[in-house]
């Protein structure tokens, strides 16, 4: 996996939202990849937790499902 790659994050999120057993996501690891994936998670009703994505953009109201 390529670290912090937005296009890779979008490919991964599309696979995760297909699985009804997935209730939430831990990751993505970087502040560049996370915003690329968050809108898709939000539309699917999934929360994302990331301990290493530190961009202030991620704490804005448009990403209320990110912790």
C-alpha atoms as a PDB file:
ATOM      1  CA  UNK A   1       0.000   0.000   0.000  1.00  0.00           C
ATOM      2  CA  UNK A   2       1.251   3.465  -0.824  1.00  0.00           C
ATOM      3  CA  UNK A   3       1.262   5.616   2.301  1.00  0.00           C
ATOM      4  CA  UNK A   4      -0.863   8.757   2.238  1.00  0.00           C
ATOM      5  CA  UNK A   5      -1.976   8.436  -1.395  1.00  0.00           C
ATOM      6  CA  UNK A   6      -5.467   9.904  -1.997  1.00  0.00           C
ATOM      7  CA  UNK A   7      -6.158   7.737  -5.045  1.00  0.00           C
ATOM      8  CA  UNK A   8      -5.245   4.589  -3.089  1.00  0.00           C
ATOM      9  CA  UNK A   9      -7.467   5.746  -0.215  1.00  0.00           C
ATOM     10  CA  UNK A  10     -10.414   6.124  -2.589  1.00  0.00           C
ATOM     11  CA  UNK A  11      -9.846   2.622  -3.973  1.00  0.00           C
ATOM     12  CA  UNK A  12      -9.719   1.158  -0.468  1.00  0.00           C
ATOM     13  CA  UNK A  13     -12.833   2.988   0.737  1.00  0.00           C
ATOM     14  CA  UNK A  14     -14.847   1.762  -2.243  1.00  0.00           C
ATOM     15  CA  UNK A  15     -14.033  -1.818  -1.264  1.00  0.00           C
ATOM     16  CA  UNK A  16     -14.798  -1.262   2.429  1.00  0.00           C
ATOM     17  CA  UNK A  17     -18.245   0.236   1.866  1.00  0.00           C
ATOM     18  CA  UNK A  18     -19.272  -2.840  -0.130  1.00  0.00           C
ATOM     19  CA  UNK A  19     -18.897  -4.999   3.000  1.00  0.00           C
ATOM     20  CA  UNK A  20     -21.949  -4.791   5.274  1.00  0.00           C
ATOM     21  CA  UNK A  21     -19.857  -6.162   8.153  1.00  0.00           C
ATOM     22  CA  UNK A  22     -17.779  -2.969   8.232  1.00  0.00           C
ATOM     23  CA  UNK A  23     -19.231  -0.645  10.871  1.00  0.00           C
ATOM     24  CA  UNK A  24     -16.434   1.939  10.945  1.00  0.00           C
ATOM     25  CA  UNK A  25     -12.856   2.452   9.862  1.00  0.00           C
ATOM     26  CA  UNK A  26      -9.602   2.967  11.755  1.00  0.00           C
ATOM     27  CA  UNK A  27      -7.277   4.904   9.471  1.00  0.00           C
ATOM     28  CA  UNK A  28      -6.255   6.390   7.049  1.00  0.00           C
ATOM     29  CA  UNK A  29      -2.780   7.195   8.253  1.00  0.00           C
ATOM     30  CA  UNK A  30      -2.171  10.547   6.610  1.00  0.00           C
ATOM     31  CA  UNK A  31      -3.803  13.945   6.332  1.00  0.00           C
ATOM     32  CA  UNK A  32      -3.696  13.816   2.527  1.00  0.00           C
ATOM     33  CA  UNK A  33      -5.446  10.448   2.190  1.00  0.00           C
ATOM     34  CA  UNK A  34      -8.092  10.987   4.870  1.00  0.00           C
ATOM     35  CA  UNK A  35      -9.965  13.900   3.239  1.00  0.00           C
ATOM     36  CA  UNK A  36     -10.086  11.944  -0.016  1.00  0.00           C
ATOM     37  CA  UNK A  37     -11.876   9.053   1.686  1.00  0.00           C
ATOM     38  CA  UNK A  38     -14.061  10.853   4.235  1.00  0.00           C
ATOM     39  CA  UNK A  39     -16.845  12.006   1.864  1.00  0.00           C
ATOM     40  CA  UNK A  40     -17.362   8.411   0.730  1.00  0.00           C
ATOM     41  CA  UNK A  41     -17.456   7.149   4.319  1.00  0.00           C
ATOM     42  CA  UNK A  42     -19.897   9.901   5.228  1.00  0.00           C
ATOM     43  CA  UNK A  43     -22.252   8.972   2.368  1.00  0.00           C
ATOM     44  CA  UNK A  44     -22.085   5.331   3.472  1.00  0.00           C
ATOM     45  CA  UNK A  45     -22.841   6.230   7.099  1.00  0.00           C
ATOM     46  CA  UNK A  46     -19.465   5.064   8.410  1.00  0.00           C
ATOM     47  CA  UNK A  47     -17.286   6.864  10.930  1.00  0.00           C
ATOM     48  CA  UNK A  48     -13.509   7.042  10.543  1.00  0.00           C
ATOM     49  CA  UNK A  49     -11.030   7.204  13.406  1.00  0.00           C
ATOM     50  CA  UNK A  50      -7.473   8.311  12.689  1.00  0.00           C
ATOM     51  CA  UNK A  51      -4.847   8.969  15.319  1.00  0.00           C
ATOM     52  CA  UNK A  52      -2.270  10.250  12.854  1.00  0.00           C
ATOM     53  CA  UNK A  53      -4.202  12.481  10.435  1.00  0.00           C
ATOM     54  CA  UNK A  54      -3.646  15.896  11.964  1.00  0.00           C
ATOM     55  CA  UNK A  55      -4.866  18.381   9.368  1.00  0.00           C
ATOM     56  CA  UNK A  56      -7.128  21.066  10.831  1.00  0.00           C
ATOM     57  CA  UNK A  57      -9.351  20.600   7.770  1.00  0.00           C
ATOM     58  CA  UNK A  58     -10.394  17.234   9.230  1.00  0.00           C
ATOM     59  CA  UNK A  59     -11.871  18.813  12.343  1.00  0.00           C
ATOM     60  CA  UNK A  60     -14.160  21.139  10.411  1.00  0.00           C
ATOM     61  CA  UNK A  61     -17.927  20.610  10.358  1.00  0.00           C
ATOM     62  CA  UNK A  62     -17.913  19.018   6.899  1.00  0.00           C
ATOM     63  CA  UNK A  63     -16.118  16.002   8.397  1.00  0.00           C
ATOM     64  CA  UNK A  64     -18.213  15.404  11.516  1.00  0.00           C
ATOM     65  CA  UNK A  65     -17.790  11.618  11.123  1.00  0.00           C
ATOM     66  CA  UNK A  66     -14.007  11.795  11.632  1.00  0.00           C
ATOM     67  CA  UNK A  67     -12.543  11.251  15.096  1.00  0.00           C
END
